[in-house]
Amino acid sequence: MIDKARQDAQATAAEEISRGKAELQSERDRLYRDVETTRVQALQDIWSQAAQLATLISEKAVGKNLTYEDHRALLDEALNEFRAAAELRRSNIESARA
């Protein structure tokens, strides 16, 4: 009877440990998703602020007001070039590590 109780206790402990590990992994996954969501939002905020700053700078440099669409087209083009350069740099770094 004592051996049976010991086995039951060990089985229960193993189940609790397994359940705890699963909950921990679930929480870890949730936290990673939260961090990624926050990172993406921060990058979007940075891009938006950069676009606003570029608009102000371009107004000063050009000396006149361009339409919103003109600014947006210029900024989208510049940001696309910047993103492409960043991806190329990241690719070069990753290939250098390999």
PDB file of N, CA and C in Angstrom:
ATOM      1  N   MET A   1       0.822  -1.183   0.000  1.00  0.00           N
ATOM      2  CA  MET A   1       0.000   0.000   0.000  1.00  0.00           C
ATOM      3  C   MET A   1       0.878   1.264   0.000  1.00  0.00           C
ATOM      4  N   ILE A   2       1.974   1.219   0.751  1.00  0.00           N
ATOM      5  CA  ILE A   2       2.882   2.364   0.803  1.00  0.00           C
ATOM      6  C   ILE A   2       3.551   2.569  -0.552  1.00  0.00           C
ATOM      7  N   ASP A   3       3.939   1.442  -1.184  1.00  0.00           N
ATOM      8  CA  ASP A   3       4.542   1.555  -2.515  1.00  0.00           C
ATOM      9  C   ASP A   3       3.558   2.147  -3.517  1.00  0.00           C
ATOM     10  N   LYS A   4       2.306   1.738  -3.437  1.00  0.00           N
ATOM     11  CA  LYS A   4       1.270   2.281  -4.330  1.00  0.00           C
ATOM     12  C   LYS A   4       1.103   3.772  -4.092  1.00  0.00           C
ATOM     13  N   ALA A   5       1.088   4.192  -2.833  1.00  0.00           N
ATOM     14  CA  ALA A   5       0.947   5.610  -2.496  1.00  0.00           C
ATOM     15  C   ALA A   5       2.154   6.388  -3.011  1.00  0.00           C
ATOM     16  N   ARG A   6       3.334   5.802  -2.872  1.00  0.00           N
ATOM     17  CA  ARG A   6       4.557   6.448  -3.348  1.00  0.00           C
ATOM     18  C   ARG A   6       4.506   6.598  -4.868  1.00  0.00           C
ATOM     19  N   GLN A   7       4.074   5.544  -5.567  1.00  0.00           N
ATOM     20  CA  GLN A   7       3.966   5.601  -7.023  1.00  0.00           C
ATOM     21  C   GLN A   7       2.942   6.656  -7.460  1.00  0.00           C
ATOM     22  N   ASP A   8       1.828   6.692  -6.746  1.00  0.00           N
ATOM     23  CA  ASP A   8       0.802   7.699  -7.051  1.00  0.00           C
ATOM     24  C   ASP A   8       1.348   9.113  -6.829  1.00  0.00           C
ATOM     25  N   ALA A   9       2.093   9.289  -5.763  1.00  0.00           N
ATOM     26  CA  ALA A   9       2.673  10.602  -5.463  1.00  0.00           C
ATOM     27  C   ALA A   9       3.685  10.992  -6.526  1.00  0.00           C
ATOM     28  N   GLN A  10       4.490  10.027  -6.973  1.00  0.00           N
ATOM     29  CA  GLN A  10       5.475  10.305  -8.014  1.00  0.00           C
ATOM     30  C   GLN A  10       4.781  10.636  -9.337  1.00  0.00           C
ATOM     31  N   ALA A  11       3.727   9.904  -9.645  1.00  0.00           N
ATOM     32  CA  ALA A  11       2.985  10.169 -10.879  1.00  0.00           C
ATOM     33  C   ALA A  11       2.349  11.550 -10.825  1.00  0.00           C
ATOM     34  N   THR A  12       1.769  11.891  -9.682  1.00  0.00           N
ATOM     35  CA  THR A  12       1.150  13.201  -9.515  1.00  0.00           C
ATOM     36  C   THR A  12       2.204  14.301  -9.628  1.00  0.00           C
ATOM     37  N   ALA A  13       3.359  14.090  -9.010  1.00  0.00           N
ATOM     38  CA  ALA A  13       4.441  15.078  -9.086  1.00  0.00           C
ATOM     39  C   ALA A  13       4.908  15.239 -10.529  1.00  0.00           C
ATOM     40  N   ALA A  14       5.035  14.135 -11.249  1.00  0.00           N
ATOM     41  CA  ALA A  14       5.467  14.196 -12.646  1.00  0.00           C
ATOM     42  C   ALA A  14       4.438  14.947 -13.488  1.00  0.00           C
ATOM     43  N   GLU A  15       3.163  14.693 -13.235  1.00  0.00           N
ATOM     44  CA  GLU A  15       2.104  15.401 -13.960  1.00  0.00           C
ATOM     45  C   GLU A  15       2.148  16.897 -13.671  1.00  0.00           C
ATOM     46  N   GLU A  16       2.343  17.256 -12.403  1.00  0.00           N
ATOM     47  CA  GLU A  16       2.409  18.667 -12.018  1.00  0.00           C
ATOM     48  C   GLU A  16       3.622  19.350 -12.655  1.00  0.00           C
ATOM     49  N   ILE A  17       4.740  18.654 -12.670  1.00  0.00           N
ATOM     50  CA  ILE A  17       5.938  19.213 -13.312  1.00  0.00           C
ATOM     51  C   ILE A  17       5.695  19.403 -14.792  1.00  0.00           C
ATOM     52  N   SER A  18       5.088  18.403 -15.427  1.00  0.00           N
ATOM     53  CA  SER A  18       4.783  18.498 -16.852  1.00  0.00           C
ATOM     54  C   SER A  18       3.825  19.648 -17.134  1.00  0.00           C
ATOM     55  N   ARG A  19       2.792  19.771 -16.317  1.00  0.00           N
ATOM     56  CA  ARG A  19       1.821  20.847 -16.474  1.00  0.00           C
ATOM     57  C   ARG A  19       2.491  22.210 -16.255  1.00  0.00           C
ATOM     58  N   GLY A  20       3.370  22.275 -15.265  1.00  0.00           N
ATOM     59  CA  GLY A  20       4.101  23.519 -14.994  1.00  0.00           C
ATOM     60  C   GLY A  20       4.997  23.912 -16.156  1.00  0.00           C
ATOM     61  N   LYS A  21       5.682  22.918 -16.741  1.00  0.00           N
ATOM     62  CA  LYS A  21       6.540  23.192 -17.896  1.00  0.00           C
ATOM     63  C   LYS A  21       5.708  23.672 -19.080  1.00  0.00           C
ATOM     64  N   ALA A  22       4.556  23.066 -19.299  1.00  0.00           N
ATOM     65  CA  ALA A  22       3.685  23.474 -20.403  1.00  0.00           C
ATOM     66  C   ALA A  22       3.187  24.904 -20.186  1.00  0.00           C
ATOM     67  N   GLU A  23       2.798  25.225 -18.955  1.00  0.00           N
ATOM     68  CA  GLU A  23       2.335  26.581 -18.656  1.00  0.00           C
ATOM     69  C   GLU A  23       3.465  27.582 -18.831  1.00  0.00           C
ATOM     70  N   LEU A  24       4.662  27.210 -18.400  1.00  0.00           N
ATOM     71  CA  LEU A  24       5.825  28.076 -18.550  1.00  0.00           C
ATOM     72  C   LEU A  24       6.125  28.327 -20.025  1.00  0.00           C
ATOM     73  N   GLN A  25       6.088  27.275 -20.830  1.00  0.00           N
ATOM     74  CA  GLN A  25       6.331  27.433 -22.271  1.00  0.00           C
ATOM     75  C   GLN A  25       5.253  28.298 -22.903  1.00  0.00           C
ATOM     76  N   SER A  26       4.014  28.110 -22.504  1.00  0.00           N
ATOM     77  CA  SER A  26       2.918  28.915 -23.026  1.00  0.00           C
ATOM     78  C   SER A  26       3.115  30.390 -22.681  1.00  0.00           C
ATOM     79  N   GLU A  27       3.497  30.649 -21.445  1.00  0.00           N
ATOM     80  CA  GLU A  27       3.750  32.029 -21.009  1.00  0.00           C
ATOM     81  C   GLU A  27       4.941  32.617 -21.748  1.00  0.00           C
ATOM     82  N   ARG A  28       5.976  31.827 -21.939  1.00  0.00           N
ATOM     83  CA  ARG A  28       7.157  32.280 -22.681  1.00  0.00           C
ATOM     84  C   ARG A  28       6.773  32.637 -24.117  1.00  0.00           C
ATOM     85  N   ASP A  29       5.981  31.779 -24.754  1.00  0.00           N
ATOM     86  CA  ASP A  29       5.534  32.053 -26.125  1.00  0.00           C
ATOM     87  C   ASP A  29       4.714  33.342 -26.187  1.00  0.00           C
ATOM     88  N   ARG A  30       3.828  33.529 -25.206  1.00  0.00           N
ATOM     89  CA  ARG A  30       3.019  34.741 -25.162  1.00  0.00           C
ATOM     90  C   ARG A  30       3.898  35.977 -25.007  1.00  0.00           C
ATOM     91  N   LEU A  31       4.890  35.876 -24.152  1.00  0.00           N
ATOM     92  CA  LEU A  31       5.795  37.012 -23.946  1.00  0.00           C
ATOM     93  C   LEU A  31       6.594  37.320 -25.205  1.00  0.00           C
ATOM     94  N   TYR A  32       7.054  36.284 -25.911  1.00  0.00           N
ATOM     95  CA  TYR A  32       7.760  36.507 -27.171  1.00  0.00           C
ATOM     96  C   TYR A  32       6.854  37.201 -28.185  1.00  0.00           C
ATOM     97  N   ARG A  33       5.591  36.779 -28.246  1.00  0.00           N
ATOM     98  CA  ARG A  33       4.650  37.433 -29.167  1.00  0.00           C
ATOM     99  C   ARG A  33       4.445  38.883 -28.770  1.00  0.00           C
ATOM    100  N   ASP A  34       4.315  39.140 -27.471  1.00  0.00           N
ATOM    101  CA  ASP A  34       4.143  40.517 -26.996  1.00  0.00           C
ATOM    102  C   ASP A  34       5.350  41.376 -27.338  1.00  0.00           C
ATOM    103  N   VAL A  35       6.544  40.826 -27.151  1.00  0.00           N
ATOM    104  CA  VAL A  35       7.764  41.573 -27.478  1.00  0.00           C
ATOM    105  C   VAL A  35       7.815  41.860 -28.971  1.00  0.00           C
ATOM    106  N   GLU A  36       7.481  40.880 -29.786  1.00  0.00           N
ATOM    107  CA  GLU A  36       7.506  41.074 -31.237  1.00  0.00           C
ATOM    108  C   GLU A  36       6.482  42.126 -31.662  1.00  0.00           C
ATOM    109  N   THR A  37       5.289  42.074 -31.083  1.00  0.00           N
ATOM    110  CA  THR A  37       4.260  43.062 -31.394  1.00  0.00           C
ATOM    111  C   THR A  37       4.728  44.458 -31.003  1.00  0.00           C
ATOM    112  N   THR A  38       5.333  44.573 -29.836  1.00  0.00           N
ATOM    113  CA  THR A  38       5.845  45.864 -29.373  1.00  0.00           C
ATOM    114  C   THR A  38       6.972  46.345 -30.273  1.00  0.00           C
ATOM    115  N   ARG A  39       7.833  45.435 -30.708  1.00  0.00           N
ATOM    116  CA  ARG A  39       8.939  45.798 -31.593  1.00  0.00           C
ATOM    117  C   ARG A  39       8.420  46.321 -32.928  1.00  0.00           C
ATOM    118  N   VAL A  40       7.444  45.618 -33.484  1.00  0.00           N
ATOM    119  CA  VAL A  40       6.871  46.041 -34.764  1.00  0.00           C
ATOM    120  C   VAL A  40       6.210  47.412 -34.624  1.00  0.00           C
ATOM    121  N   GLN A  41       5.477  47.618 -33.539  1.00  0.00           N
ATOM    122  CA  GLN A  41       4.827  48.909 -33.304  1.00  0.00           C
ATOM    123  C   GLN A  41       5.864  50.017 -33.157  1.00  0.00           C
ATOM    124  N   ALA A  42       6.943  49.736 -32.437  1.00  0.00           N
ATOM    125  CA  ALA A  42       7.998  50.732 -32.260  1.00  0.00           C
ATOM    126  C   ALA A  42       8.641  51.082 -33.597  1.00  0.00           C
ATOM    127  N   LEU A  43       8.879  50.076 -34.428  1.00  0.00           N
ATOM    128  CA  LEU A  43       9.443  50.344 -35.754  1.00  0.00           C
ATOM    129  C   LEU A  43       8.492  51.183 -36.598  1.00  0.00           C
ATOM    130  N   GLN A  44       7.202  50.880 -36.518  1.00  0.00           N
ATOM    131  CA  GLN A  44       6.232  51.675 -37.267  1.00  0.00           C
ATOM    132  C   GLN A  44       6.215  53.115 -36.771  1.00  0.00           C
ATOM    133  N   ASP A  45       6.325  53.297 -35.470  1.00  0.00           N
ATOM    134  CA  ASP A  45       6.381  54.650 -34.915  1.00  0.00           C
ATOM    135  C   ASP A  45       7.630  55.386 -35.398  1.00  0.00           C
ATOM    136  N   ILE A  46       8.743  54.673 -35.418  1.00  0.00           N
ATOM    137  CA  ILE A  46       9.986  55.284 -35.883  1.00  0.00           C
ATOM    138  C   ILE A  46       9.863  55.684 -37.348  1.00  0.00           C
ATOM    139  N   TRP A  47       9.306  54.786 -38.180  1.00  0.00           N
ATOM    140  CA  TRP A  47       9.133  55.104 -39.601  1.00  0.00           C
ATOM    141  C   TRP A  47       8.220  56.313 -39.762  1.00  0.00           C
ATOM    142  N   SER A  48       7.173  56.365 -38.984  1.00  0.00           N
ATOM    143  CA  SER A  48       6.234  57.492 -39.078  1.00  0.00           C
ATOM    144  C   SER A  48       6.911  58.797 -38.669  1.00  0.00           C
ATOM    145  N   GLN A  49       7.657  58.757 -37.582  1.00  0.00           N
ATOM    146  CA  GLN A  49       8.355  59.960 -37.136  1.00  0.00           C
ATOM    147  C   GLN A  49       9.424  60.371 -38.137  1.00  0.00           C
ATOM    148  N   ALA A  50      10.101  59.403 -38.714  1.00  0.00           N
ATOM    149  CA  ALA A  50      11.104  59.715 -39.738  1.00  0.00           C
ATOM    150  C   ALA A  50      10.450  60.364 -40.951  1.00  0.00           C
ATOM    151  N   ALA A  51       9.275  59.869 -41.316  1.00  0.00           N
ATOM    152  CA  ALA A  51       8.557  60.453 -42.449  1.00  0.00           C
ATOM    153  C   ALA A  51       8.153  61.892 -42.146  1.00  0.00           C
ATOM    154  N   GLN A  52       7.680  62.140 -40.939  1.00  0.00           N
ATOM    155  CA  GLN A  52       7.305  63.500 -40.574  1.00  0.00           C
ATOM    156  C   GLN A  52       8.516  64.419 -40.570  1.00  0.00           C
ATOM    157  N   LEU A  53       9.621  63.943 -40.043  1.00  0.00           N
ATOM    158  CA  LEU A  53      10.838  64.744 -40.014  1.00  0.00           C
ATOM    159  C   LEU A  53      11.343  65.000 -41.430  1.00  0.00           C
ATOM    160  N   ALA A  54      11.308  63.980 -42.258  1.00  0.00           N
ATOM    161  CA  ALA A  54      11.743  64.152 -43.647  1.00  0.00           C
ATOM    162  C   ALA A  54      10.860  65.156 -44.372  1.00  0.00           C
ATOM    163  N   THR A  55       9.578  65.149 -44.065  1.00  0.00           N
ATOM    164  CA  THR A  55       8.667  66.117 -44.673  1.00  0.00           C
ATOM    165  C   THR A  55       9.071  67.531 -44.284  1.00  0.00           C
ATOM    166  N   LEU A  56       9.349  67.745 -43.030  1.00  0.00           N
ATOM    167  CA  LEU A  56       9.767  69.076 -42.580  1.00  0.00           C
ATOM    168  C   LEU A  56      11.080  69.490 -43.223  1.00  0.00           C
ATOM    169  N   ILE A  57      12.010  68.555 -43.293  1.00  0.00           N
ATOM    170  CA  ILE A  57      13.305  68.858 -43.901  1.00  0.00           C
ATOM    171  C   ILE A  57      13.146  69.166 -45.382  1.00  0.00           C
ATOM    172  N   SER A  58      12.323  68.377 -46.066  1.00  0.00           N
ATOM    173  CA  SER A  58      12.145  68.599 -47.507  1.00  0.00           C
ATOM    174  C   SER A  58      11.468  69.941 -47.774  1.00  0.00           C
ATOM    175  N   GLU A  59      10.554  70.344 -46.913  1.00  0.00           N
ATOM    176  CA  GLU A  59       9.932  71.662 -47.075  1.00  0.00           C
ATOM    177  C   GLU A  59      10.982  72.754 -46.987  1.00  0.00           C
ATOM    178  N   LYS A  60      11.884  72.617 -46.042  1.00  0.00           N
ATOM    179  CA  LYS A  60      12.944  73.610 -45.884  1.00  0.00           C
ATOM    180  C   LYS A  60      13.896  73.570 -47.071  1.00  0.00           C
ATOM    181  N   ALA A  61      14.249  72.377 -47.513  1.00  0.00           N
ATOM    182  CA  ALA A  61      15.212  72.242 -48.602  1.00  0.00           C
ATOM    183  C   ALA A  61      14.636  72.707 -49.932  1.00  0.00           C
ATOM    184  N   VAL A  62      13.401  72.371 -50.202  1.00  0.00           N
ATOM    185  CA  VAL A  62      12.778  72.729 -51.473  1.00  0.00           C
ATOM    186  C   VAL A  62      12.328  74.182 -51.452  1.00  0.00           C
ATOM    187  N   GLY A  63      11.967  74.640 -50.289  1.00  0.00           N
ATOM    188  CA  GLY A  63      11.543  76.029 -50.167  1.00  0.00           C
ATOM    189  C   GLY A  63      10.087  76.252 -50.506  1.00  0.00           C
ATOM    190  N   LYS A  64       9.356  75.197 -50.652  1.00  0.00           N
ATOM    191  CA  LYS A  64       7.927  75.329 -50.910  1.00  0.00           C
ATOM    192  C   LYS A  64       7.219  74.113 -50.338  1.00  0.00           C
ATOM    193  N   ASN A  65       5.944  74.218 -50.228  1.00  0.00           N
ATOM    194  CA  ASN A  65       5.147  73.102 -49.720  1.00  0.00           C
ATOM    195  C   ASN A  65       4.753  72.188 -50.867  1.00  0.00           C
ATOM    196  N   LEU A  66       5.056  70.929 -50.694  1.00  0.00           N
ATOM    197  CA  LEU A  66       4.593  69.931 -51.637  1.00  0.00           C
ATOM    198  C   LEU A  66       3.276  69.377 -51.100  1.00  0.00           C
ATOM    199  N   THR A  67       2.515  68.767 -51.956  1.00  0.00           N
ATOM    200  CA  THR A  67       1.271  68.167 -51.484  1.00  0.00           C
ATOM    201  C   THR A  67       1.606  66.950 -50.636  1.00  0.00           C
ATOM    202  N   TYR A  68       0.648  66.536 -49.872  1.00  0.00           N
ATOM    203  CA  TYR A  68       0.833  65.357 -49.031  1.00  0.00           C
ATOM    204  C   TYR A  68       1.209  64.156 -49.899  1.00  0.00           C
ATOM    205  N   GLU A  69       0.554  64.023 -51.011  1.00  0.00           N
ATOM    206  CA  GLU A  69       0.819  62.893 -51.900  1.00  0.00           C
ATOM    207  C   GLU A  69       2.254  62.940 -52.431  1.00  0.00           C
ATOM    208  N   ASP A  70       2.738  64.165 -52.762  1.00  0.00           N
ATOM    209  CA  ASP A  70       4.118  64.304 -53.227  1.00  0.00           C
ATOM    210  C   ASP A  70       5.093  63.848 -52.145  1.00  0.00           C
ATOM    211  N   HIS A  71       4.860  64.325 -50.931  1.00  0.00           N
ATOM    212  CA  HIS A  71       5.718  63.939 -49.814  1.00  0.00           C
ATOM    213  C   HIS A  71       5.667  62.435 -49.588  1.00  0.00           C
ATOM    214  N   ARG A  72       4.473  61.910 -49.593  1.00  0.00           N
ATOM    215  CA  ARG A  72       4.305  60.486 -49.319  1.00  0.00           C
ATOM    216  C   ARG A  72       5.034  59.653 -50.368  1.00  0.00           C
ATOM    217  N   ALA A  73       4.909  60.033 -51.641  1.00  0.00           N
ATOM    218  CA  ALA A  73       5.573  59.293 -52.711  1.00  0.00           C
ATOM    219  C   ALA A  73       7.091  59.357 -52.550  1.00  0.00           C
ATOM    220  N   LEU A  74       7.612  60.543 -52.264  1.00  0.00           N
ATOM    221  CA  LEU A  74       9.053  60.692 -52.061  1.00  0.00           C
ATOM    222  C   LEU A  74       9.532  59.882 -50.855  1.00  0.00           C
ATOM    223  N   LEU A  75       8.788  59.962 -49.774  1.00  0.00           N
ATOM    224  CA  LEU A  75       9.175  59.241 -48.566  1.00  0.00           C
ATOM    225  C   LEU A  75       9.061  57.738 -48.738  1.00  0.00           C
ATOM    226  N   ASP A  76       8.006  57.286 -49.388  1.00  0.00           N
ATOM    227  CA  ASP A  76       7.859  55.846 -49.627  1.00  0.00           C
ATOM    228  C   ASP A  76       9.030  55.327 -50.460  1.00  0.00           C
ATOM    229  N   GLU A  77       9.409  56.085 -51.456  1.00  0.00           N
ATOM    230  CA  GLU A  77      10.536  55.693 -52.301  1.00  0.00           C
ATOM    231  C   GLU A  77      11.830  55.618 -51.479  1.00  0.00           C
ATOM    232  N   ALA A  78      12.055  56.655 -50.675  1.00  0.00           N
ATOM    233  CA  ALA A  78      13.264  56.676 -49.855  1.00  0.00           C
ATOM    234  C   ALA A  78      13.247  55.543 -48.824  1.00  0.00           C
ATOM    235  N   LEU A  79      12.114  55.316 -48.190  1.00  0.00           N
ATOM    236  CA  LEU A  79      12.026  54.253 -47.188  1.00  0.00           C
ATOM    237  C   LEU A  79      12.202  52.880 -47.813  1.00  0.00           C
ATOM    238  N   ASN A  80      11.656  52.684 -48.998  1.00  0.00           N
ATOM    239  CA  ASN A  80      11.839  51.402 -49.683  1.00  0.00           C
ATOM    240  C   ASN A  80      13.316  51.161 -49.997  1.00  0.00           C
ATOM    241  N   GLU A  81      14.004  52.218 -50.431  1.00  0.00           N
ATOM    242  CA  GLU A  81      15.433  52.091 -50.702  1.00  0.00           C
ATOM    243  C   GLU A  81      16.196  51.801 -49.410  1.00  0.00           C
ATOM    244  N   PHE A  82      15.808  52.478 -48.340  1.00  0.00           N
ATOM    245  CA  PHE A  82      16.451  52.267 -47.048  1.00  0.00           C
ATOM    246  C   PHE A  82      16.224  50.837 -46.567  1.00  0.00           C
ATOM    247  N   ARG A  83      14.996  50.359 -46.678  1.00  0.00           N
ATOM    248  CA  ARG A  83      14.695  48.987 -46.244  1.00  0.00           C
ATOM    249  C   ARG A  83      15.475  47.972 -47.066  1.00  0.00           C
ATOM    250  N   ALA A  84      15.558  48.203 -48.381  1.00  0.00           N
ATOM    251  CA  ALA A  84      16.300  47.289 -49.248  1.00  0.00           C
ATOM    252  C   ALA A  84      17.776  47.272 -48.854  1.00  0.00           C
ATOM    253  N   ALA A  85      18.334  48.437 -48.554  1.00  0.00           N
ATOM    254  CA  ALA A  85      19.733  48.506 -48.133  1.00  0.00           C
ATOM    255  C   ALA A  85      19.926  47.796 -46.799  1.00  0.00           C
ATOM    256  N   ALA A  86      18.978  47.956 -45.894  1.00  0.00           N
ATOM    257  CA  ALA A  86      19.064  47.297 -44.595  1.00  0.00           C
ATOM    258  C   ALA A  86      18.990  45.778 -44.758  1.00  0.00           C
ATOM    259  N   GLU A  87      18.097  45.297 -45.607  1.00  0.00           N
ATOM    260  CA  GLU A  87      17.983  43.858 -45.853  1.00  0.00           C
ATOM    261  C   GLU A  87      19.261  43.313 -46.480  1.00  0.00           C
ATOM    262  N   LEU A  88      19.842  44.064 -47.415  1.00  0.00           N
ATOM    263  CA  LEU A  88      21.089  43.642 -48.048  1.00  0.00           C
ATOM    264  C   LEU A  88      22.199  43.565 -47.009  1.00  0.00           C
ATOM    265  N   ARG A  89      22.256  44.552 -46.140  1.00  0.00           N
ATOM    266  CA  ARG A  89      23.268  44.559 -45.083  1.00  0.00           C
ATOM    267  C   ARG A  89      23.073  43.373 -44.142  1.00  0.00           C
ATOM    268  N   ARG A  90      21.818  43.120 -43.755  1.00  0.00           N
ATOM    269  CA  ARG A  90      21.522  41.997 -42.877  1.00  0.00           C
ATOM    270  C   ARG A  90      21.913  40.677 -43.560  1.00  0.00           C
ATOM    271  N   SER A  91      21.625  40.571 -44.837  1.00  0.00           N
ATOM    272  CA  SER A  91      21.972  39.363 -45.593  1.00  0.00           C
ATOM    273  C   SER A  91      23.475  39.186 -45.644  1.00  0.00           C
ATOM    274  N   ASN A  92      24.197  40.284 -45.862  1.00  0.00           N
ATOM    275  CA  ASN A  92      25.661  40.216 -45.915  1.00  0.00           C
ATOM    276  C   ASN A  92      26.242  39.787 -44.562  1.00  0.00           C
ATOM    277  N   ILE A  93      25.671  40.302 -43.487  1.00  0.00           N
ATOM    278  CA  ILE A  93      26.138  39.947 -42.150  1.00  0.00           C
ATOM    279  C   ILE A  93      25.870  38.473 -41.876  1.00  0.00           C
ATOM    280  N   GLU A  94      24.662  38.008 -42.232  1.00  0.00           N
ATOM    281  CA  GLU A  94      24.331  36.605 -41.997  1.00  0.00           C
ATOM    282  C   GLU A  94      25.198  35.670 -42.822  1.00  0.00           C
ATOM    283  N   SER A  95      25.496  36.048 -44.063  1.00  0.00           N
ATOM    284  CA  SER A  95      26.336  35.188 -44.882  1.00  0.00           C
ATOM    285  C   SER A  95      27.785  35.208 -44.396  1.00  0.00           C
ATOM    286  N   ALA A  96      28.215  36.324 -43.810  1.00  0.00           N
ATOM    287  CA  ALA A  96      29.561  36.384 -43.267  1.00  0.00           C
ATOM    288  C   ALA A  96      29.694  35.513 -42.022  1.00  0.00           C
ATOM    289  N   ARG A  97      28.598  35.373 -41.273  1.00  0.00           N
ATOM    290  CA  ARG A  97      28.615  34.531 -40.074  1.00  0.00           C
ATOM    291  C   ARG A  97      28.668  33.043 -40.426  1.00  0.00           C
ATOM    292  N   ALA A  98      28.113  32.704 -41.586  1.00  0.00           N
ATOM    293  CA  ALA A  98      28.012  31.292 -41.960  1.00  0.00           C
ATOM    294  C   ALA A  98      29.333  30.713 -42.367  1.00  0.00           C
TER     295      ALA A  98
END
